[in-house]
C-alpha atoms as a PDB file:
ATOM      1  CA  MET A   1     -90.308 103.521 106.317  1.00  0.00           C
ATOM      2  CA  ILE A   2     -88.400 105.716 103.374  1.00  0.00           C
ATOM      3  CA  ARG A   3     -85.926 103.221 102.063  1.00  0.00           C
ATOM      4  CA  ILE A   4     -82.281 105.083 102.131  1.00  0.00           C
ATOM      5  CA  HIS A   5     -79.337 103.331 100.807  1.00  0.00           C
ATOM      6  CA  GLY A   6     -76.869 105.969 101.733  1.00  0.00           C
ATOM      7  CA  LEU A   7     -75.225 108.752 103.491  1.00  0.00           C
ATOM      8  CA  ASN A   8     -72.697 110.865 103.047  1.00  0.00           C
ATOM      9  CA  LYS A   9     -72.289 113.025 105.938  1.00  0.00           C
ATOM     10  CA  THR A  10     -70.519 115.896 105.947  1.00  0.00           C
ATOM     11  CA  THR A  11     -69.898 117.319 102.282  1.00  0.00           C
ATOM     12  CA  LEU A  12     -68.755 121.006 100.987  1.00  0.00           C
ATOM     13  CA  LEU A  13     -69.864 120.419  97.115  1.00  0.00           C
ATOM     14  CA  ASP A  14     -73.696 118.827  96.992  1.00  0.00           C
ATOM     15  CA  TYR A  15     -75.258 121.570  98.903  1.00  0.00           C
ATOM     16  CA  PRO A  16     -73.753 125.187  97.594  1.00  0.00           C
ATOM     17  CA  GLY A  17     -72.697 126.891 100.409  1.00  0.00           C
ATOM     18  CA  HIS A  18     -73.343 124.751 103.158  1.00  0.00           C
ATOM     19  CA  VAL A  19     -72.365 122.310 105.153  1.00  0.00           C
ATOM     20  CA  ALA A  20     -74.767 119.386 104.751  1.00  0.00           C
ATOM     21  CA  ALA A  21     -75.043 115.393 104.652  1.00  0.00           C
ATOM     22  CA  THR A  22     -76.596 113.540 101.797  1.00  0.00           C
ATOM     23  CA  ILE A  23     -79.054 111.394 101.208  1.00  0.00           C
ATOM     24  CA  PHE A  24     -79.445 108.474  98.788  1.00  0.00           C
ATOM     25  CA  LEU A  25     -82.767 106.431  98.160  1.00  0.00           C
ATOM     26  CA  GLY A  26     -82.448 104.139  95.216  1.00  0.00           C
ATOM     27  CA  ARG A  27     -84.556 102.813  92.457  1.00  0.00           C
ATOM     28  CA  CYS A  28     -85.156 105.010  89.491  1.00  0.00           C
ATOM     29  CA  ASN A  29     -87.342 105.380  86.480  1.00  0.00           C
ATOM     30  CA  PHE A  30     -84.605 106.769  83.915  1.00  0.00           C
ATOM     31  CA  ARG A  31     -81.663 104.323  82.745  1.00  0.00           C
ATOM     32  CA  CYS A  32     -79.131 106.954  81.226  1.00  0.00           C
ATOM     33  CA  PRO A  33     -76.374 104.485  80.153  1.00  0.00           C
ATOM     34  CA  PHE A  34     -73.517 107.151  81.534  1.00  0.00           C
ATOM     35  CA  CYS A  35     -75.177 107.248  85.661  1.00  0.00           C
ATOM     36  CA  HIS A  36     -72.503 106.873  87.764  1.00  0.00           C
ATOM     37  CA  ASN A  37     -75.223 105.272  90.291  1.00  0.00           C
ATOM     38  CA  GLY A  38     -75.607 102.392  88.414  1.00  0.00           C
ATOM     39  CA  GLY A  39     -76.012  99.983  91.591  1.00  0.00           C
ATOM     40  CA  LEU A  40     -78.820 102.172  93.179  1.00  0.00           C
ATOM     41  CA  VAL A  41     -80.547 102.057  89.710  1.00  0.00           C
ATOM     42  CA  LEU A  42     -80.118  98.894  88.488  1.00  0.00           C
ATOM     43  CA  ASN A  43     -80.354  96.400  91.823  1.00  0.00           C
ATOM     44  CA  PRO A  44     -81.313  98.671  94.801  1.00  0.00           C
ATOM     45  CA  ASP A  45     -82.863  95.854  96.817  1.00  0.00           C
ATOM     46  CA  SER A  46     -78.521  94.473  96.838  1.00  0.00           C
ATOM     47  CA  GLN A  47     -77.631  97.808  98.194  1.00  0.00           C
ATOM     48  CA  PRO A  48     -77.762  98.174 102.021  1.00  0.00           C
ATOM     49  CA  LEU A  49     -80.517  99.765 103.950  1.00  0.00           C
ATOM     50  CA  ILE A  50     -79.871 102.177 107.029  1.00  0.00           C
ATOM     51  CA  PRO A  51     -82.866 102.443 108.972  1.00  0.00           C
ATOM     52  CA  GLU A  52     -84.566 106.162 108.874  1.00  0.00           C
ATOM     53  CA  GLU A  53     -84.321 106.675 112.625  1.00  0.00           C
ATOM     54  CA  GLU A  54     -80.294 106.324 112.316  1.00  0.00           C
ATOM     55  CA  VAL A  55     -80.190 108.602 109.670  1.00  0.00           C
ATOM     56  CA  LEU A  56     -82.682 111.061 111.768  1.00  0.00           C
ATOM     57  CA  THR A  57     -81.313 110.220 115.226  1.00  0.00           C
ATOM     58  CA  PHE A  58     -77.569 111.699 113.225  1.00  0.00           C
ATOM     59  CA  LEU A  59     -79.086 114.481 111.592  1.00  0.00           C
ATOM     60  CA  LYS A  60     -80.828 115.379 114.982  1.00  0.00           C
ATOM     61  CA  LYS A  61     -77.258 115.148 116.653  1.00  0.00           C
ATOM     62  CA  ARG A  62     -75.358 117.259 113.898  1.00  0.00           C
ATOM     63  CA  ILE A  63     -78.115 120.130 114.330  1.00  0.00           C
ATOM     64  CA  GLY A  64     -75.810 123.655 114.797  1.00  0.00           C
ATOM     65  CA  ILE A  65     -73.071 121.874 112.556  1.00  0.00           C
ATOM     66  CA  LEU A  66     -74.366 121.134 109.475  1.00  0.00           C
ATOM     67  CA  THR A  67     -76.807 123.248 107.912  1.00  0.00           C
ATOM     68  CA  GLY A  68     -78.476 121.666 104.759  1.00  0.00           C
ATOM     69  CA  VAL A  69     -79.601 118.013 103.799  1.00  0.00           C
ATOM     70  CA  CYS A  70     -79.654 117.154 100.782  1.00  0.00           C
ATOM     71  CA  ILE A  71     -81.555 113.628  98.794  1.00  0.00           C
ATOM     72  CA  THR A  72     -80.585 112.595  95.772  1.00  0.00           C
ATOM     73  CA  GLY A  73     -80.659 108.697  94.224  1.00  0.00           C
ATOM     74  CA  GLY A  74     -81.879 107.055  92.422  1.00  0.00           C
ATOM     75  CA  GLU A  75     -84.673 109.446  91.665  1.00  0.00           C
ATOM     76  CA  PRO A  76     -85.771 110.745  95.365  1.00  0.00           C
ATOM     77  CA  THR A  77     -89.630 111.061  93.795  1.00  0.00           C
ATOM     78  CA  LEU A  78     -90.599 107.639  93.341  1.00  0.00           C
ATOM     79  CA  GLU A  79     -90.392 107.641  96.985  1.00  0.00           C
ATOM     80  CA  PRO A  80     -93.889 107.148  98.510  1.00  0.00           C
ATOM     81  CA  GLU A  81     -92.576 108.325 101.810  1.00  0.00           C
ATOM     82  CA  LEU A  82     -91.412 111.201 100.556  1.00  0.00           C
ATOM     83  CA  LEU A  83     -92.914 113.908 101.848  1.00  0.00           C
ATOM     84  CA  GLN A  84     -93.538 112.836 105.393  1.00  0.00           C
ATOM     85  CA  PHE A  85     -89.400 111.855 105.845  1.00  0.00           C
ATOM     86  CA  ILE A  86     -89.046 115.642 104.791  1.00  0.00           C
ATOM     87  CA  ARG A  87     -91.483 116.870 106.989  1.00  0.00           C
ATOM     88  CA  LYS A  88     -89.255 115.409 110.109  1.00  0.00           C
ATOM     89  CA  ILE A  89     -86.079 116.851 108.344  1.00  0.00           C
ATOM     90  CA  LYS A  90     -87.481 120.263 108.756  1.00  0.00           C
ATOM     91  CA  GLU A  91     -88.887 119.574 111.739  1.00  0.00           C
ATOM     92  CA  PHE A  92     -84.946 119.959 112.807  1.00  0.00           C
ATOM     93  CA  GLY A  93     -84.767 123.469 110.855  1.00  0.00           C
ATOM     94  CA  TYR A  94     -82.238 122.055 108.177  1.00  0.00           C
ATOM     95  CA  LEU A  95     -82.578 122.995 104.418  1.00  0.00           C
ATOM     96  CA  VAL A  96     -83.466 120.784 102.221  1.00  0.00           C
ATOM     97  CA  LYS A  97     -82.208 120.453  98.835  1.00  0.00           C
ATOM     98  CA  LEU A  98     -83.812 117.839  96.325  1.00  0.00           C
ATOM     99  CA  ASP A  99     -81.634 116.283  93.462  1.00  0.00           C
ATOM    100  CA  THR A 100     -84.424 115.323  90.703  1.00  0.00           C
ATOM    101  CA  ASN A 101     -84.946 114.048  87.029  1.00  0.00           C
ATOM    102  CA  GLY A 102     -87.938 115.618  86.587  1.00  0.00           C
ATOM    103  CA  TYR A 103     -90.305 113.176  85.781  1.00  0.00           C
ATOM    104  CA  LYS A 104     -92.576 113.710  88.334  1.00  0.00           C
ATOM    105  CA  PRO A 105     -93.879 117.037  88.142  1.00  0.00           C
ATOM    106  CA  GLU A 106     -96.687 116.617  90.601  1.00  0.00           C
ATOM    107  CA  VAL A 107     -94.532 115.364  93.528  1.00  0.00           C
ATOM    108  CA  ILE A 108     -92.094 118.491  92.507  1.00  0.00           C
ATOM    109  CA  GLU A 109     -95.356 120.517  93.146  1.00  0.00           C
ATOM    110  CA  LYS A 110     -96.737 119.169  96.118  1.00  0.00           C
ATOM    111  CA  LEU A 111     -93.001 119.800  97.758  1.00  0.00           C
ATOM    112  CA  LEU A 112     -93.027 122.734  96.504  1.00  0.00           C
ATOM    113  CA  ALA A 113     -96.294 124.096  97.323  1.00  0.00           C
ATOM    114  CA  GLU A 114     -95.701 122.639 100.981  1.00  0.00           C
ATOM    115  CA  ASN A 115     -92.813 124.844 101.631  1.00  0.00           C
ATOM    116  CA  LEU A 116     -90.635 121.453 102.048  1.00  0.00           C
ATOM    117  CA  LEU A 117     -88.154 122.380  99.917  1.00  0.00           C
ATOM    118  CA  ASP A 118     -84.679 124.899  99.983  1.00  0.00           C
ATOM    119  CA  TYR A 119     -82.562 124.277  96.511  1.00  0.00           C
ATOM    120  CA  ILE A 120     -83.739 122.387  93.775  1.00  0.00           C
ATOM    121  CA  ALA A 121     -81.539 121.025  91.068  1.00  0.00           C
ATOM    122  CA  MET A 122     -82.945 118.802  88.134  1.00  0.00           C
ATOM    123  CA  ASP A 123     -81.202 116.864  85.670  1.00  0.00           C
ATOM    124  CA  VAL A 124     -81.831 118.159  82.217  1.00  0.00           C
ATOM    125  CA  LYS A 125     -80.932 115.148  79.770  1.00  0.00           C
ATOM    126  CA  ASN A 126     -80.898 116.722  76.206  1.00  0.00           C
ATOM    127  CA  SER A 127     -82.886 117.623  73.392  1.00  0.00           C
ATOM    128  CA  LEU A 128     -86.833 116.863  73.347  1.00  0.00           C
ATOM    129  CA  GLU A 129     -86.005 115.109  70.490  1.00  0.00           C
ATOM    130  CA  LYS A 130     -83.420 113.057  71.799  1.00  0.00           C
ATOM    131  CA  TYR A 131     -84.710 112.594  75.778  1.00  0.00           C
ATOM    132  CA  GLY A 132     -85.702 109.459  75.777  1.00  0.00           C
ATOM    133  CA  GLN A 133     -82.438 107.667  74.020  1.00  0.00           C
ATOM    134  CA  THR A 134     -80.495 109.886  76.323  1.00  0.00           C
ATOM    135  CA  ALA A 135     -82.471 108.814  79.786  1.00  0.00           C
ATOM    136  CA  GLY A 136     -82.650 105.083  78.047  1.00  0.00           C
ATOM    137  CA  ALA A 137     -86.552 105.078  78.578  1.00  0.00           C
ATOM    138  CA  GLU A 138     -88.012 103.444  75.558  1.00  0.00           C
ATOM    139  CA  HIS A 139     -91.584 105.819  75.844  1.00  0.00           C
ATOM    140  CA  MET A 140     -90.240 108.732  77.435  1.00  0.00           C
ATOM    141  CA  ASP A 141     -93.462 111.526  78.065  1.00  0.00           C
ATOM    142  CA  THR A 142     -91.309 115.125  77.764  1.00  0.00           C
ATOM    143  CA  GLU A 143     -94.568 116.932  78.487  1.00  0.00           C
ATOM    144  CA  LYS A 144     -93.411 116.083  82.220  1.00  0.00           C
ATOM    145  CA  ILE A 145     -89.908 117.205  81.241  1.00  0.00           C
ATOM    146  CA  LYS A 146     -91.380 120.597  80.184  1.00  0.00           C
ATOM    147  CA  SER A 147     -94.081 120.709  82.803  1.00  0.00           C
ATOM    148  CA  SER A 148     -90.863 119.726  85.866  1.00  0.00           C
ATOM    149  CA  ILE A 149     -88.988 122.453  83.943  1.00  0.00           C
ATOM    150  CA  GLN A 150     -91.816 125.279  84.303  1.00  0.00           C
ATOM    151  CA  ILE A 151     -92.875 124.412  88.117  1.00  0.00           C
ATOM    152  CA  ILE A 152     -89.198 124.797  88.791  1.00  0.00           C
ATOM    153  CA  MET A 153     -88.001 127.872  86.775  1.00  0.00           C
ATOM    154  CA  ASN A 154     -91.585 129.475  87.963  1.00  0.00           C
ATOM    155  CA  SER A 155     -90.796 128.706  91.843  1.00  0.00           C
ATOM    156  CA  ARG A 156     -89.503 131.525  94.635  1.00  0.00           C
ATOM    157  CA  ILE A 157     -86.997 128.935  95.307  1.00  0.00           C
ATOM    158  CA  PRO A 158     -82.915 128.607  94.112  1.00  0.00           C
ATOM    159  CA  TYR A 159     -82.636 126.134  91.650  1.00  0.00           C
ATOM    160  CA  GLU A 160     -80.388 124.878  89.519  1.00  0.00           C
ATOM    161  CA  LEU A 161     -80.670 123.021  85.803  1.00  0.00           C
ATOM    162  CA  ARG A 162     -78.150 121.038  84.904  1.00  0.00           C
ATOM    163  CA  THR A 163     -76.896 118.418  81.582  1.00  0.00           C
ATOM    164  CA  THR A 164     -74.176 116.407  81.873  1.00  0.00           C
ATOM    165  CA  VAL A 165     -72.492 116.122  78.643  1.00  0.00           C
ATOM    166  CA  VAL A 166     -71.484 113.150  76.614  1.00  0.00           C
ATOM    167  CA  LYS A 167     -69.725 113.117  73.491  1.00  0.00           C
ATOM    168  CA  GLU A 168     -71.863 110.155  72.245  1.00  0.00           C
ATOM    169  CA  PHE A 169     -75.616 111.912  73.531  1.00  0.00           C
ATOM    170  CA  HIS A 170     -74.918 115.300  73.130  1.00  0.00           C
ATOM    171  CA  THR A 171     -74.478 117.756  69.694  1.00  0.00           C
ATOM    172  CA  ARG A 172     -74.177 121.485  70.060  1.00  0.00           C
ATOM    173  CA  GLN A 173     -77.523 121.527  68.269  1.00  0.00           C
ATOM    174  CA  ASP A 174     -79.209 119.070  70.564  1.00  0.00           C
ATOM    175  CA  LEU A 175     -77.772 121.539  73.453  1.00  0.00           C
ATOM    176  CA  LEU A 176     -78.967 124.364  71.883  1.00  0.00           C
ATOM    177  CA  ASP A 177     -82.376 122.988  71.369  1.00  0.00           C
ATOM    178  CA  LEU A 178     -82.340 121.997  74.773  1.00  0.00           C
ATOM    179  CA  ALA A 179     -81.008 125.924  75.667  1.00  0.00           C
ATOM    180  CA  GLU A 180     -84.287 126.801  73.675  1.00  0.00           C
ATOM    181  CA  GLU A 181     -86.506 124.896  76.402  1.00  0.00           C
ATOM    182  CA  ILE A 182     -85.072 126.156  79.522  1.00  0.00           C
ATOM    183  CA  LYS A 183     -84.541 129.853  78.430  1.00  0.00           C
ATOM    184  CA  GLY A 184     -84.204 132.177  81.143  1.00  0.00           C
ATOM    185  CA  ALA A 185     -83.170 129.581  83.579  1.00  0.00           C
ATOM    186  CA  LYS A 186     -81.266 131.419  86.555  1.00  0.00           C
ATOM    187  CA  ALA A 187     -78.711 128.763  86.970  1.00  0.00           C
ATOM    188  CA  TYR A 188     -77.627 126.632  84.026  1.00  0.00           C
ATOM    189  CA  PHE A 189     -74.640 124.080  84.799  1.00  0.00           C
ATOM    190  CA  LEU A 190     -73.062 122.000  81.853  1.00  0.00           C
ATOM    191  CA  GLN A 191     -70.620 119.286  83.551  1.00  0.00           C
ATOM    192  CA  GLY A 192     -68.249 116.835  81.868  1.00  0.00           C
ATOM    193  CA  TYR A 193     -68.784 113.324  81.683  1.00  0.00           C
ATOM    194  CA  LYS A 194     -65.863 111.244  83.219  1.00  0.00           C
ATOM    195  CA  ASP A 195     -66.013 107.108  83.198  1.00  0.00           C
ATOM    196  CA  SER A 196     -66.569 105.773  85.932  1.00  0.00           C
ATOM    197  CA  GLU A 197     -66.970 101.644  86.868  1.00  0.00           C
ATOM    198  CA  GLN A 198     -69.723 102.082  88.887  1.00  0.00           C
ATOM    199  CA  ALA A 199     -71.515 103.621  85.768  1.00  0.00           C
ATOM    200  CA  ILE A 200     -74.133 101.697  83.985  1.00  0.00           C
ATOM    201  CA  GLN A 201     -72.022 101.408  80.964  1.00  0.00           C
ATOM    202  CA  GLN A 202     -68.617 102.432  80.428  1.00  0.00           C
ATOM    203  CA  GLY A 203     -66.620 103.808  77.826  1.00  0.00           C
ATOM    204  CA  PHE A 204     -68.053 107.226  76.956  1.00  0.00           C
ATOM    205  CA  HIS A 205     -66.490 110.322  76.342  1.00  0.00           C
ATOM    206  CA  SER A 206     -66.685 114.267  77.611  1.00  0.00           C
ATOM    207  CA  TYR A 207     -65.852 116.777  74.883  1.00  0.00           C
ATOM    208  CA  GLU A 208     -62.401 118.447  75.683  1.00  0.00           C
ATOM    209  CA  LYS A 209     -62.681 121.533  78.163  1.00  0.00           C
ATOM    210  CA  GLU A 210     -62.494 123.741  75.168  1.00  0.00           C
ATOM    211  CA  GLU A 211     -64.525 122.465  73.485  1.00  0.00           C
ATOM    212  CA  LEU A 212     -66.942 123.229  76.320  1.00  0.00           C
ATOM    213  CA  GLU A 213     -66.153 126.504  76.913  1.00  0.00           C
ATOM    214  CA  GLU A 214     -67.317 127.247  73.094  1.00  0.00           C
ATOM    215  CA  ILE A 215     -70.374 125.625  73.502  1.00  0.00           C
ATOM    216  CA  VAL A 216     -70.869 127.636  76.550  1.00  0.00           C
ATOM    217  CA  LYS A 217     -70.066 130.963  74.408  1.00  0.00           C
ATOM    218  CA  ILE A 218     -72.875 129.732  72.048  1.00  0.00           C
ATOM    219  CA  LEU A 219     -75.333 128.990  74.818  1.00  0.00           C
ATOM    220  CA  ARG A 220     -75.033 132.034  76.330  1.00  0.00           C
ATOM    221  CA  PRO A 221     -77.101 134.921  74.761  1.00  0.00           C
ATOM    222  CA  ILE A 222     -80.264 131.901  75.380  1.00  0.00           C
ATOM    223  CA  ILE A 223     -78.703 131.396  78.953  1.00  0.00           C
ATOM    224  CA  PRO A 224     -76.550 133.816  80.602  1.00  0.00           C
ATOM    225  CA  ASN A 225     -76.697 132.160  83.718  1.00  0.00           C
ATOM    226  CA  ILE A 226     -74.940 129.177  82.287  1.00  0.00           C
ATOM    227  CA  GLN A 227     -71.334 127.814  84.065  1.00  0.00           C
ATOM    228  CA  LEU A 228     -68.832 124.939  83.479  1.00  0.00           C
ATOM    229  CA  ARG A 229     -68.741 122.498  86.398  1.00  0.00           C
ATOM    230  CA  GLY A 230     -66.271 119.887  87.351  1.00  0.00           C
ATOM    231  CA  ILE A 231     -64.154 120.457  84.165  1.00  0.00           C
ATOM    232  CA  ASP A 232     -60.328 120.010  85.234  1.00  0.00           C
END
């Protein structure tokens, strides 16, 4: 059985264009210091568990009301039962969106090969040179990140790549280098950082809105479909 640690029964934000439910899985192979889901990442066993059957029963009852399901974490691709779980959701006729950090390209490839995903969102943390530092992972194989980016960008489903911009981790040059890695992406979002009590480490800062707008102008020749998200 898949380990489910949270269920947001209705959201208009997590799956673009759809009324959806969001399912939170635990565990993560990254330790991004600015991560907002610190409990799920650092100590998932301390979080309440929701039985899989309870979630599936809820989704069955909401057929015709909800149109999508977003699966997030933690890092969902670490779950051995992920494919089987999504197959059950697809039997209800739902569209499925996956949020991932992209460190398990082989899982993403399997999900796409079986037509189990309708939308995928990957967090691209930083330029490859600073990826491990930003992700809080000492031994980082950036070839896995590059592979996932290419798999997603070559897929036939809608996708987005996104970066949470943190002043302490991202320079303009870092973001330029990152943009070259995802050149031609159909959708790329820069997200402003907001400090949170649930963050693994607190005290980081976002760039001001005007600074982020300037960064977007610099990156747009490389990625025309770049947008800001979550900026007041």
